[in-house]
C-alpha atoms as a PDB file:
ATOM      1  CA  MET A   1       0.000   0.000   0.000  1.00  0.00           C
ATOM      2  CA  PHE A   2       2.840   2.424   0.824  1.00  0.00           C
ATOM      3  CA  GLU A   3       4.502   1.982  -2.563  1.00  0.00           C
ATOM      4  CA  THR A   4       1.157   2.155  -4.349  1.00  0.00           C
ATOM      5  CA  LEU A   5       0.303   5.476  -2.723  1.00  0.00           C
ATOM      6  CA  ALA A   6       3.804   6.830  -3.327  1.00  0.00           C
ATOM      7  CA  ASN A   7       3.230   6.234  -7.041  1.00  0.00           C
ATOM      8  CA  LEU A   8      -0.119   8.052  -6.865  1.00  0.00           C
ATOM      9  CA  THR A   9       1.225  11.083  -4.987  1.00  0.00           C
ATOM     10  CA  GLY A  10       0.983  14.225  -7.097  1.00  0.00           C
ATOM     11  CA  LEU A  11      -1.622  12.829  -9.494  1.00  0.00           C
ATOM     12  CA  ARG A  12      -4.751  14.874 -10.180  1.00  0.00           C
ATOM     13  CA  ILE A  13      -7.953  13.496  -8.730  1.00  0.00           C
ATOM     14  CA  ASP A  14      -9.504  12.759 -12.120  1.00  0.00           C
ATOM     15  CA  ASP A  15      -6.537  10.659 -13.255  1.00  0.00           C
ATOM     16  CA  SER A  16      -7.731   7.152 -14.177  1.00  0.00           C
ATOM     17  CA  ARG A  17      -5.161   5.580 -11.822  1.00  0.00           C
ATOM     18  CA  MET A  18      -6.481   7.638  -8.918  1.00  0.00           C
ATOM     19  CA  ILE A  19     -10.089   6.806  -9.688  1.00  0.00           C
ATOM     20  CA  GLU A  20      -9.258   3.101  -9.953  1.00  0.00           C
ATOM     21  CA  PHE A  21      -7.466   3.127  -6.584  1.00  0.00           C
ATOM     22  CA  MET A  22     -10.340   4.906  -4.854  1.00  0.00           C
ATOM     23  CA  GLU A  23     -12.963   2.553  -6.280  1.00  0.00           C
ATOM     24  CA  LYS A  24     -10.920  -0.547  -5.428  1.00  0.00           C
ATOM     25  CA  ASN A  25     -10.309   0.524  -1.817  1.00  0.00           C
ATOM     26  CA  GLY A  26     -13.727   1.846  -0.862  1.00  0.00           C
ATOM     27  CA  TYR A  27     -13.206   5.597  -1.137  1.00  0.00           C
ATOM     28  CA  LYS A  28     -16.199   7.711  -2.056  1.00  0.00           C
ATOM     29  CA  TYR A  29     -15.299   9.843  -5.051  1.00  0.00           C
ATOM     30  CA  PRO A  30     -16.288  13.480  -4.319  1.00  0.00           C
ATOM     31  CA  LYS A  31     -19.469  14.762  -5.942  1.00  0.00           C
ATOM     32  CA  LYS A  32     -17.634  18.024  -6.588  1.00  0.00           C
ATOM     33  CA  PRO A  33     -14.012  16.991  -7.092  1.00  0.00           C
ATOM     34  CA  PHE A  34     -12.780  20.317  -8.441  1.00  0.00           C
ATOM     35  CA  ILE A  35     -11.958  23.492  -6.494  1.00  0.00           C
ATOM     36  CA  SER A  36     -13.270  26.964  -7.297  1.00  0.00           C
ATOM     37  CA  ASN A  37     -11.303  30.129  -6.672  1.00  0.00           C
ATOM     38  CA  ARG A  38     -14.476  31.538  -5.118  1.00  0.00           C
ATOM     39  CA  SER A  39     -14.097  29.098  -2.239  1.00  0.00           C
ATOM     40  CA  THR A  40     -12.011  29.822   0.842  1.00  0.00           C
ATOM     41  CA  ASP A  41     -10.844  26.192   0.827  1.00  0.00           C
ATOM     42  CA  THR A  42      -8.164  25.131  -1.623  1.00  0.00           C
ATOM     43  CA  THR A  43      -7.867  21.604  -0.180  1.00  0.00           C
ATOM     44  CA  TYR A  44     -10.134  18.810   1.023  1.00  0.00           C
ATOM     45  CA  TRP A  45      -9.797  15.387   2.630  1.00  0.00           C
ATOM     46  CA  VAL A  46     -11.315  12.149   1.378  1.00  0.00           C
ATOM     47  CA  GLU A  47     -11.630   9.837   4.377  1.00  0.00           C
ATOM     48  CA  ASN A  48     -11.802   6.073   4.670  1.00  0.00           C
ATOM     49  CA  LYS A  49     -12.361   5.067   8.300  1.00  0.00           C
ATOM     50  CA  LYS A  50     -12.582   1.383   7.451  1.00  0.00           C
ATOM     51  CA  LEU A  51      -9.151   1.420   5.828  1.00  0.00           C
ATOM     52  CA  GLY A  52      -7.696   3.986   8.243  1.00  0.00           C
ATOM     53  CA  ILE A  53      -6.101   6.044   5.466  1.00  0.00           C
ATOM     54  CA  ASP A  54      -7.176   9.584   4.551  1.00  0.00           C
ATOM     55  CA  LEU A  55      -6.244  11.373   1.328  1.00  0.00           C
ATOM     56  CA  LEU A  56      -5.687  15.124   1.002  1.00  0.00           C
ATOM     57  CA  PHE A  57      -6.237  16.794  -2.360  1.00  0.00           C
ATOM     58  CA  SER A  58      -4.870  20.300  -2.939  1.00  0.00           C
ATOM     59  CA  ALA A  59      -5.206  22.740  -5.805  1.00  0.00           C
ATOM     60  CA  GLN A  60      -1.929  24.557  -5.199  1.00  0.00           C
ATOM     61  CA  PRO A  61       0.956  22.797  -3.403  1.00  0.00           C
ATOM     62  CA  TYR A  62       3.343  25.728  -4.073  1.00  0.00           C
ATOM     63  CA  LEU A  63       5.856  23.421  -5.734  1.00  0.00           C
ATOM     64  CA  GLU A  64       7.291  24.114  -9.181  1.00  0.00           C
ATOM     65  CA  ASN A  65       6.877  20.454 -10.155  1.00  0.00           C
ATOM     66  CA  TYR A  66       3.145  20.688  -9.446  1.00  0.00           C
ATOM     67  CA  PRO A  67       1.652  23.856 -10.962  1.00  0.00           C
ATOM     68  CA  LEU A  68      -2.016  24.756 -10.872  1.00  0.00           C
ATOM     69  CA  VAL A  69      -4.148  22.600 -13.170  1.00  0.00           C
ATOM     70  CA  GLN A  70      -6.869  24.604 -14.887  1.00  0.00           C
ATOM     71  CA  GLY A  71     -10.287  22.968 -15.112  1.00  0.00           C
ATOM     72  CA  GLU A  72     -12.688  23.234 -18.024  1.00  0.00           C
ATOM     73  CA  LYS A  73     -14.320  26.364 -16.601  1.00  0.00           C
ATOM     74  CA  LYS A  74     -12.682  29.616 -15.615  1.00  0.00           C
ATOM     75  CA  GLY A  75     -12.008  29.840 -11.903  1.00  0.00           C
ATOM     76  CA  VAL A  76     -12.080  26.061 -11.456  1.00  0.00           C
ATOM     77  CA  PHE A  77      -8.956  24.016 -10.744  1.00  0.00           C
ATOM     78  CA  ILE A  78      -8.225  20.292 -10.537  1.00  0.00           C
ATOM     79  CA  PRO A  79      -6.651  19.258  -7.218  1.00  0.00           C
ATOM     80  CA  MET A  80      -3.942  16.644  -6.875  1.00  0.00           C
ATOM     81  CA  LEU A  81      -3.088  14.116  -4.176  1.00  0.00           C
ATOM     82  CA  THR A  82      -0.665  15.900  -1.856  1.00  0.00           C
ATOM     83  CA  ASN A  83      -0.870  14.079   1.476  1.00  0.00           C
ATOM     84  CA  ILE A  84      -1.778  10.634   2.812  1.00  0.00           C
ATOM     85  CA  ARG A  85      -2.332   9.955   6.521  1.00  0.00           C
ATOM     86  CA  TRP A  86      -2.455   6.625   8.347  1.00  0.00           C
ATOM     87  CA  TYR A  87      -4.140   6.913  11.752  1.00  0.00           C
ATOM     88  CA  ASN A  88      -3.912   3.159  12.330  1.00  0.00           C
ATOM     89  CA  ASN A  89      -2.748   0.201  10.306  1.00  0.00           C
ATOM     90  CA  LYS A  90      -5.979  -1.595   9.486  1.00  0.00           C
ATOM     91  CA  SER A  91      -4.687  -1.669   5.919  1.00  0.00           C
ATOM     92  CA  GLY A  92      -1.673  -3.787   6.859  1.00  0.00           C
ATOM     93  CA  THR A  93       0.694  -1.288   5.245  1.00  0.00           C
ATOM     94  CA  GLU A  94       4.411  -2.069   5.438  1.00  0.00           C
ATOM     95  CA  PHE A  95       6.122   1.187   6.395  1.00  0.00           C
ATOM     96  CA  PRO A  96       9.803   1.911   5.659  1.00  0.00           C
ATOM     97  CA  LEU A  97      12.392   0.540   8.101  1.00  0.00           C
ATOM     98  CA  SER A  98       9.762  -1.882   9.448  1.00  0.00           C
ATOM     99  CA  LEU A  99       8.230   0.902  11.526  1.00  0.00           C
ATOM    100  CA  ASP A 100       4.802   0.485  13.103  1.00  0.00           C
ATOM    101  CA  PHE A 101       2.488   2.267  15.529  1.00  0.00           C
ATOM    102  CA  ASN A 102       4.029   0.431  18.502  1.00  0.00           C
ATOM    103  CA  HIS A 103       7.424   2.119  18.215  1.00  0.00           C
ATOM    104  CA  LYS A 104       8.474   4.285  21.160  1.00  0.00           C
ATOM    105  CA  PHE A 105      10.372   7.558  21.029  1.00  0.00           C
ATOM    106  CA  GLU A 106      13.869   6.208  21.633  1.00  0.00           C
ATOM    107  CA  ALA A 107      13.349   3.405  19.125  1.00  0.00           C
ATOM    108  CA  LEU A 108      12.250   5.971  16.548  1.00  0.00           C
ATOM    109  CA  LYS A 109      15.376   8.051  17.170  1.00  0.00           C
ATOM    110  CA  GLU A 110      17.557   4.975  16.721  1.00  0.00           C
ATOM    111  CA  LYS A 111      16.071   4.342  13.283  1.00  0.00           C
ATOM    112  CA  LEU A 112      15.356   7.884  12.084  1.00  0.00           C
ATOM    113  CA  GLY A 113      17.743  10.111  14.021  1.00  0.00           C
ATOM    114  CA  GLU A 114      16.608  13.224  15.850  1.00  0.00           C
ATOM    115  CA  PRO A 115      13.158  14.636  14.958  1.00  0.00           C
ATOM    116  CA  THR A 116      13.239  17.105  12.091  1.00  0.00           C
ATOM    117  CA  LEU A 117      10.672  19.338  13.811  1.00  0.00           C
ATOM    118  CA  LYS A 118       9.254  19.808  17.291  1.00  0.00           C
ATOM    119  CA  SER A 119       6.124  21.684  18.329  1.00  0.00           C
ATOM    120  CA  SER A 120       7.960  24.791  19.546  1.00  0.00           C
ATOM    121  CA  ASP A 121       9.698  25.141  16.169  1.00  0.00           C
ATOM    122  CA  ILE A 122       6.320  26.179  14.765  1.00  0.00           C
ATOM    123  CA  SER A 123       5.434  28.478  17.647  1.00  0.00           C
ATOM    124  CA  PRO A 124       5.875  28.530  21.444  1.00  0.00           C
ATOM    125  CA  VAL A 125       2.083  28.432  21.749  1.00  0.00           C
ATOM    126  CA  TRP A 126       2.278  24.733  20.864  1.00  0.00           C
ATOM    127  CA  LEU A 127       4.224  23.954  24.041  1.00  0.00           C
ATOM    128  CA  ASN A 128       2.430  22.274  26.936  1.00  0.00           C
ATOM    129  CA  ASP A 129       1.706  24.267  30.090  1.00  0.00           C
ATOM    130  CA  ASP A 130       4.762  22.750  31.768  1.00  0.00           C
ATOM    131  CA  GLY A 131       6.990  23.852  28.881  1.00  0.00           C
ATOM    132  CA  SER A 132       7.398  20.395  27.365  1.00  0.00           C
ATOM    133  CA  GLU A 133       6.950  19.699  23.667  1.00  0.00           C
ATOM    134  CA  SER A 134       3.461  18.610  22.606  1.00  0.00           C
ATOM    135  CA  PHE A 135       4.704  16.655  19.582  1.00  0.00           C
ATOM    136  CA  TYR A 136       7.695  15.712  17.459  1.00  0.00           C
ATOM    137  CA  ARG A 137       7.747  15.093  13.719  1.00  0.00           C
ATOM    138  CA  TRP A 138      10.042  13.320  11.332  1.00  0.00           C
ATOM    139  CA  ARG A 139      10.065  14.124   7.613  1.00  0.00           C
ATOM    140  CA  ILE A 140      12.289  11.995   5.373  1.00  0.00           C
ATOM    141  CA  VAL A 141      12.837  12.511   1.657  1.00  0.00           C
ATOM    142  CA  LEU A 142      11.535   9.598  -0.402  1.00  0.00           C
ATOM    143  CA  ASP A 143      11.970  11.066  -3.886  1.00  0.00           C
ATOM    144  CA  ASN A 144      13.772  14.391  -4.121  1.00  0.00           C
ATOM    145  CA  GLU A 145      13.031  14.937  -7.815  1.00  0.00           C
ATOM    146  CA  LYS A 146       9.301  14.488  -7.240  1.00  0.00           C
ATOM    147  CA  ASP A 147       9.288  16.401  -3.908  1.00  0.00           C
ATOM    148  CA  ILE A 148       7.861  13.362  -2.076  1.00  0.00           C
ATOM    149  CA  VAL A 149       8.484  12.870   1.644  1.00  0.00           C
ATOM    150  CA  TRP A 150       7.254  10.508   4.330  1.00  0.00           C
ATOM    151  CA  GLY A 151       7.297  10.591   8.108  1.00  0.00           C
ATOM    152  CA  LEU A 152       5.303  10.458  11.306  1.00  0.00           C
ATOM    153  CA  GLN A 153       4.178  12.457  14.324  1.00  0.00           C
ATOM    154  CA  PHE A 154       4.895  11.332  17.883  1.00  0.00           C
ATOM    155  CA  ASP A 155       2.697  13.010  20.519  1.00  0.00           C
ATOM    156  CA  ASP A 156       3.235  13.823  24.181  1.00  0.00           C
ATOM    157  CA  ASP A 157       1.025  10.898  25.212  1.00  0.00           C
ATOM    158  CA  GLN A 158       3.935   8.733  24.021  1.00  0.00           C
ATOM    159  CA  THR A 159       2.128   7.341  20.986  1.00  0.00           C
ATOM    160  CA  ILE A 160       2.469   7.755  17.241  1.00  0.00           C
ATOM    161  CA  ARG A 161      -0.376   9.984  16.082  1.00  0.00           C
ATOM    162  CA  ASP A 162      -0.017   9.191  12.396  1.00  0.00           C
ATOM    163  CA  PHE A 163       2.233   8.164   9.553  1.00  0.00           C
ATOM    164  CA  MET A 164       2.275  10.413   6.492  1.00  0.00           C
ATOM    165  CA  LEU A 165       3.331  10.277   2.875  1.00  0.00           C
ATOM    166  CA  GLY A 166       3.014  13.086   0.383  1.00  0.00           C
ATOM    167  CA  LEU A 167       4.418  16.117  -1.324  1.00  0.00           C
ATOM    168  CA  LYS A 168       6.744  18.387   0.587  1.00  0.00           C
ATOM    169  CA  TYR A 169       4.594  20.897   2.460  1.00  0.00           C
ATOM    170  CA  GLU A 170       5.090  24.535   1.529  1.00  0.00           C
ATOM    171  CA  SER A 171       3.279  27.601   2.835  1.00  0.00           C
ATOM    172  CA  PRO A 172       4.184  31.034   1.441  1.00  0.00           C
ATOM    173  CA  VAL A 173       5.802  33.649   3.639  1.00  0.00           C
ATOM    174  CA  PHE A 174       4.651  36.262   1.133  1.00  0.00           C
ATOM    175  CA  GLU A 175       2.020  35.899  -1.564  1.00  0.00           C
ATOM    176  CA  LEU A 176       2.386  38.917  -3.811  1.00  0.00           C
ATOM    177  CA  TYR A 177      -0.222  37.889  -6.341  1.00  0.00           C
ATOM    178  CA  TYR A 178      -2.553  34.908  -6.509  1.00  0.00           C
ATOM    179  CA  ALA A 179      -2.402  32.497  -9.424  1.00  0.00           C
ATOM    180  CA  MET A 180      -5.791  31.022  -8.511  1.00  0.00           C
ATOM    181  CA  LEU A 181      -7.276  34.485  -9.018  1.00  0.00           C
ATOM    182  CA  TYR A 182      -5.327  34.826 -12.275  1.00  0.00           C
ATOM    183  CA  GLY A 183      -3.028  37.359 -10.696  1.00  0.00           C
ATOM    184  CA  LYS A 184       0.074  38.238 -12.677  1.00  0.00           C
ATOM    185  CA  PHE A 185       3.243  40.201 -12.105  1.00  0.00           C
ATOM    186  CA  GLU A 186       1.822  43.067 -14.142  1.00  0.00           C
ATOM    187  CA  THR A 187      -1.185  43.410 -11.820  1.00  0.00           C
ATOM    188  CA  PHE A 188       1.094  43.407  -8.782  1.00  0.00           C
ATOM    189  CA  GLN A 189       3.412  45.947 -10.386  1.00  0.00           C
ATOM    190  CA  ALA A 190       0.499  48.273 -11.136  1.00  0.00           C
ATOM    191  CA  SER A 191      -0.980  48.039  -7.632  1.00  0.00           C
ATOM    192  CA  GLN A 192      -0.589  50.916  -5.192  1.00  0.00           C
ATOM    193  CA  ASP A 193      -1.091  49.691  -1.656  1.00  0.00           C
ATOM    194  CA  ASN A 194       0.598  49.150   1.657  1.00  0.00           C
ATOM    195  CA  TYR A 195       0.958  45.367   1.237  1.00  0.00           C
ATOM    196  CA  LYS A 196       3.068  45.885  -1.869  1.00  0.00           C
ATOM    197  CA  THR A 197       5.299  48.389  -0.079  1.00  0.00           C
ATOM    198  CA  THR A 198       5.795  46.325   3.083  1.00  0.00           C
ATOM    199  CA  SER A 199       6.503  43.138   1.132  1.00  0.00           C
ATOM    200  CA  LEU A 200       8.996  44.699  -1.270  1.00  0.00           C
ATOM    201  CA  MET A 201      10.847  46.554   1.475  1.00  0.00           C
ATOM    202  CA  PHE A 202      11.229  43.346   3.462  1.00  0.00           C
ATOM    203  CA  LEU A 203      12.483  41.486   0.389  1.00  0.00           C
ATOM    204  CA  GLN A 204      14.937  44.270  -0.406  1.00  0.00           C
ATOM    205  CA  TRP A 205      16.253  44.040   3.155  1.00  0.00           C
ATOM    206  CA  ALA A 206      16.639  40.258   2.800  1.00  0.00           C
ATOM    207  CA  ILE A 207      18.489  40.599  -0.503  1.00  0.00           C
ATOM    208  CA  GLU A 208      20.844  43.250   0.879  1.00  0.00           C
ATOM    209  CA  ARG A 209      21.558  41.030   3.888  1.00  0.00           C
ATOM    210  CA  GLU A 210      22.320  38.155   1.471  1.00  0.00           C
ATOM    211  CA  LEU A 211      19.492  36.073   2.897  1.00  0.00           C
ATOM    212  CA  VAL A 212      17.897  35.300  -0.486  1.00  0.00           C
ATOM    213  CA  LYS A 213      18.938  32.357  -2.629  1.00  0.00           C
ATOM    214  CA  THR A 214      20.049  33.004  -6.180  1.00  0.00           C
ATOM    215  CA  ASN A 215      20.159  30.955  -9.352  1.00  0.00           C
ATOM    216  CA  ASP A 216      21.187  31.501 -12.956  1.00  0.00           C
ATOM    217  CA  VAL A 217      18.018  33.501 -13.589  1.00  0.00           C
ATOM    218  CA  THR A 218      17.970  35.714 -10.485  1.00  0.00           C
ATOM    219  CA  ALA A 219      21.686  36.196  -9.716  1.00  0.00           C
ATOM    220  CA  ALA A 220      22.242  39.274 -11.895  1.00  0.00           C
ATOM    221  CA  VAL A 221      19.129  41.035 -10.616  1.00  0.00           C
ATOM    222  CA  THR A 222      19.962  40.188  -7.005  1.00  0.00           C
ATOM    223  CA  THR A 223      23.378  41.780  -7.450  1.00  0.00           C
ATOM    224  CA  ALA A 224      21.819  44.848  -9.070  1.00  0.00           C
ATOM    225  CA  VAL A 225      19.378  45.244  -6.168  1.00  0.00           C
ATOM    226  CA  LYS A 226      22.249  45.098  -3.665  1.00  0.00           C
ATOM    227  CA  GLU A 227      24.183  47.665  -5.693  1.00  0.00           C
ATOM    228  CA  GLY A 228      21.153  49.946  -5.893  1.00  0.00           C
ATOM    229  CA  THR A 229      20.973  49.862  -9.688  1.00  0.00           C
ATOM    230  CA  SER A 230      17.712  47.903  -9.905  1.00  0.00           C
ATOM    231  CA  PRO A 231      14.456  48.070  -7.924  1.00  0.00           C
ATOM    232  CA  VAL A 232      13.553  44.991  -5.921  1.00  0.00           C
ATOM    233  CA  ILE A 233      10.378  44.516  -7.944  1.00  0.00           C
ATOM    234  CA  GLU A 234      12.591  43.443 -10.841  1.00  0.00           C
ATOM    235  CA  TRP A 235      13.641  40.458  -8.709  1.00  0.00           C
ATOM    236  CA  VAL A 236       9.961  39.545  -8.328  1.00  0.00           C
ATOM    237  CA  ARG A 237       9.561  39.725 -12.103  1.00  0.00           C
ATOM    238  CA  VAL A 238      12.429  37.342 -12.878  1.00  0.00           C
ATOM    239  CA  LEU A 239      11.337  34.992 -10.087  1.00  0.00           C
ATOM    240  CA  ASN A 240       8.244  34.449 -12.251  1.00  0.00           C
ATOM    241  CA  ARG A 241       5.855  33.464  -9.449  1.00  0.00           C
ATOM    242  CA  GLY A 242       3.841  35.350  -6.906  1.00  0.00           C
ATOM    243  CA  TYR A 243       4.760  33.426  -3.767  1.00  0.00           C
ATOM    244  CA  ILE A 244       7.897  33.486  -1.618  1.00  0.00           C
ATOM    245  CA  LEU A 245       8.746  30.392   0.434  1.00  0.00           C
ATOM    246  CA  ASP A 246      11.027  29.568   3.357  1.00  0.00           C
ATOM    247  CA  ASP A 247      13.259  27.776   0.854  1.00  0.00           C
ATOM    248  CA  ASP A 248      13.800  31.044  -1.015  1.00  0.00           C
ATOM    249  CA  PHE A 249      15.901  32.264   1.919  1.00  0.00           C
ATOM    250  CA  THR A 250      19.409  31.112   2.795  1.00  0.00           C
ATOM    251  CA  ALA A 251      19.147  31.667   6.560  1.00  0.00           C
ATOM    252  CA  GLU A 252      17.006  33.190   9.335  1.00  0.00           C
ATOM    253  CA  GLN A 253      13.899  31.431   8.033  1.00  0.00           C
ATOM    254  CA  ARG A 254      12.442  31.043  11.512  1.00  0.00           C
ATOM    255  CA  PHE A 255      12.859  34.738  12.260  1.00  0.00           C
ATOM    256  CA  ILE A 256      11.329  35.716   8.931  1.00  0.00           C
ATOM    257  CA  ARG A 257       8.274  33.495   9.337  1.00  0.00           C
ATOM    258  CA  ALA A 258       7.819  34.374  13.014  1.00  0.00           C
ATOM    259  CA  TYR A 259       8.005  38.112  12.301  1.00  0.00           C
ATOM    260  CA  VAL A 260       5.945  38.168   9.108  1.00  0.00           C
ATOM    261  CA  LYS A 261       3.299  35.703  10.329  1.00  0.00           C
ATOM    262  CA  ASN A 262       3.294  36.625  14.060  1.00  0.00           C
ATOM    263  CA  LEU A 263       4.269  33.120  15.172  1.00  0.00           C
ATOM    264  CA  SER A 264       6.704  33.932  17.971  1.00  0.00           C
ATOM    265  CA  GLY A 265       4.063  33.711  20.689  1.00  0.00           C
ATOM    266  CA  HIS A 266       4.908  37.274  21.777  1.00  0.00           C
ATOM    267  CA  ASP A 267       2.705  39.262  19.376  1.00  0.00           C
ATOM    268  CA  ILE A 268       5.459  40.928  17.367  1.00  0.00           C
ATOM    269  CA  LEU A 269       4.273  41.438  13.788  1.00  0.00           C
ATOM    270  CA  TYR A 270       6.052  43.098  10.880  1.00  0.00           C
ATOM    271  CA  THR A 271       3.038  44.782   9.272  1.00  0.00           C
ATOM    272  CA  ARG A 272       1.948  46.256  12.617  1.00  0.00           C
ATOM    273  CA  ASP A 273       5.479  47.523  13.237  1.00  0.00           C
ATOM    274  CA  PHE A 274       5.462  49.093   9.783  1.00  0.00           C
ATOM    275  CA  ALA A 275       2.129  50.792  10.443  1.00  0.00           C
ATOM    276  CA  HIS A 276       3.182  52.091  13.859  1.00  0.00           C
ATOM    277  CA  LEU A 277       6.423  53.373  12.371  1.00  0.00           C
ATOM    278  CA  PHE A 278       4.663  55.625   9.857  1.00  0.00           C
ATOM    279  CA  LEU A 279       1.206  56.479  11.210  1.00  0.00           C
ATOM    280  CA  GLU A 280       1.135  59.963  12.658  1.00  0.00           C
ATOM    281  CA  THR A 281      -1.280  59.685  15.579  1.00  0.00           C
ATOM    282  CA  ALA A 282      -1.878  57.278  18.445  1.00  0.00           C
ATOM    283  CA  GLU A 283      -5.483  56.879  17.318  1.00  0.00           C
ATOM    284  CA  LEU A 284      -4.431  55.691  13.871  1.00  0.00           C
ATOM    285  CA  ARG A 285      -1.765  53.393  15.310  1.00  0.00           C
ATOM    286  CA  GLU A 286      -4.333  51.873  17.654  1.00  0.00           C
ATOM    287  CA  ASN A 287      -6.609  51.056  14.726  1.00  0.00           C
ATOM    288  CA  TYR A 288      -4.220  50.626  11.826  1.00  0.00           C
ATOM    289  CA  PHE A 289      -6.781  48.641   9.816  1.00  0.00           C
ATOM    290  CA  SER A 290      -9.195  51.581   9.747  1.00  0.00           C
ATOM    291  CA  GLU A 291      -9.988  53.301   6.476  1.00  0.00           C
ATOM    292  CA  ALA A 292      -8.164  56.450   7.555  1.00  0.00           C
ATOM    293  CA  ALA A 293      -5.057  54.500   8.550  1.00  0.00           C
ATOM    294  CA  ARG A 294      -5.050  52.426   5.370  1.00  0.00           C
ATOM    295  CA  LYS A 295      -5.337  55.566   3.270  1.00  0.00           C
ATOM    296  CA  GLN A 296      -2.273  57.030   4.953  1.00  0.00           C
ATOM    297  CA  LEU A 297      -0.308  53.765   4.761  1.00  0.00           C
ATOM    298  CA  ASN A 298      -1.136  53.247   1.090  1.00  0.00           C
ATOM    299  CA  ALA A 299       0.303  56.685   0.351  1.00  0.00           C
ATOM    300  CA  ILE A 300       3.727  55.942   1.877  1.00  0.00           C
ATOM    301  CA  ALA A 301       6.379  56.473  -0.760  1.00  0.00           C
ATOM    302  CA  TYR A 302       8.921  53.775  -1.524  1.00  0.00           C
ATOM    303  CA  ASN A 303      11.975  56.000  -1.295  1.00  0.00           C
ATOM    304  CA  GLU A 304      15.417  55.841   0.255  1.00  0.00           C
ATOM    305  CA  GLU A 305      14.417  57.662   3.430  1.00  0.00           C
ATOM    306  CA  ASN A 306      11.417  55.452   4.192  1.00  0.00           C
ATOM    307  CA  TYR A 307      13.251  52.272   3.254  1.00  0.00           C
ATOM    308  CA  GLY A 308      16.070  53.285   5.591  1.00  0.00           C
ATOM    309  CA  LYS A 309      13.600  53.453   8.482  1.00  0.00           C
ATOM    310  CA  VAL A 310      12.197  50.017   7.661  1.00  0.00           C
ATOM    311  CA  LYS A 311      15.656  48.502   7.212  1.00  0.00           C
ATOM    312  CA  SER A 312      16.691  49.709  10.669  1.00  0.00           C
ATOM    313  CA  LEU A 313      13.448  48.353  12.115  1.00  0.00           C
ATOM    314  CA  ILE A 314      13.964  44.862  10.673  1.00  0.00           C
ATOM    315  CA  ASP A 315      17.613  44.822  11.765  1.00  0.00           C
ATOM    316  CA  LYS A 316      16.476  45.675  15.293  1.00  0.00           C
ATOM    317  CA  ARG A 317      13.843  42.931  15.322  1.00  0.00           C
ATOM    318  CA  LEU A 318      16.320  40.374  13.954  1.00  0.00           C
ATOM    319  CA  ALA A 319      18.749  41.183  16.767  1.00  0.00           C
ATOM    320  CA  GLU A 320      15.948  40.799  19.319  1.00  0.00           C
ATOM    321  CA  TYR A 321      14.876  37.473  17.850  1.00  0.00           C
ATOM    322  CA  GLN A 322      18.422  36.161  17.874  1.00  0.00           C
ATOM    323  CA  GLN A 323      18.838  37.207  21.512  1.00  0.00           C
ATOM    324  CA  HIS A 324      15.522  36.225  23.084  1.00  0.00           C
ATOM    325  CA  LYS A 325      13.011  35.180  20.372  1.00  0.00           C
ATOM    326  CA  PHE A 326      10.980  38.395  20.995  1.00  0.00           C
ATOM    327  CA  SER A 327      10.290  37.391  24.609  1.00  0.00           C
ATOM    328  CA  GLN A 328      11.513  40.811  25.804  1.00  0.00           C
ATOM    329  CA  SER A 329      10.428  42.835  22.771  1.00  0.00           C
ATOM    330  CA  LYS A 330       8.036  45.758  23.038  1.00  0.00           C
ATOM    331  CA  GLN A 331       5.491  47.151  20.601  1.00  0.00           C
ATOM    332  CA  LEU A 332       6.536  50.279  18.742  1.00  0.00           C
END
């Protein structure tokens, strides 16, 4: 079963091999298998309690090997199999390294090494009240070219919660324009709003600090941005996609995600810092999502003076994160 599902990983739900597998193993094929861009959900699970294996189908895995698949109608996309979860082994699956649900933590470490992720790596809020980790996860590459990984989660009740197999999980740090909404670089370039300014200033800071990976396509533009001869938006253009991932950075990924997504557990957020840095009154800073505040923020010029303020701000927050993970940081 493990090898069978590994071969199905990444296939679209209407692929004949996927349909055959679902019919053979008692899965109920969805009445509405495709995903609309008008929906807030871009994924869904197909469960099989009798077999003990659930299948996750996603429209956009954020992997270059698995681009969006357009359906027959505009705004409709065909999801692909991105994740498989075993919550028991009623299926009699043979897992790699002869692992099973009876393995204990030390036995898992002997076979797999140290966990690749613990609960506090995501956010301190996932820690138990006594400060202990609530779970540990292992993710092991099965097929690097196809972006397929497998692994398991071991919980604080000293049991394996689940085994997993699927595509490498990616979640954007920045999403500058949305492919599911037919967003393009040109629409992002033409936009005039605060999100564009905050995102580009952060990316310029990251490039200048040599925290952004380069390749044959982006290297020249990255150098030009650092030298001040090209705007950072040119880097977005040559990147040729609207999303920025953890893997696009060379270092400080945990700081970047914690600061941009407010995951430190100490309520320190980049966009709020940006707003408080530029808004002129305490009333506007207190309600920086108000229409009046947004109007003022959207009018902030992307110039050397303003970028200098933001660059100093991010440098300060990086130093704080490196020293104490924002535990002693204060709001601006």
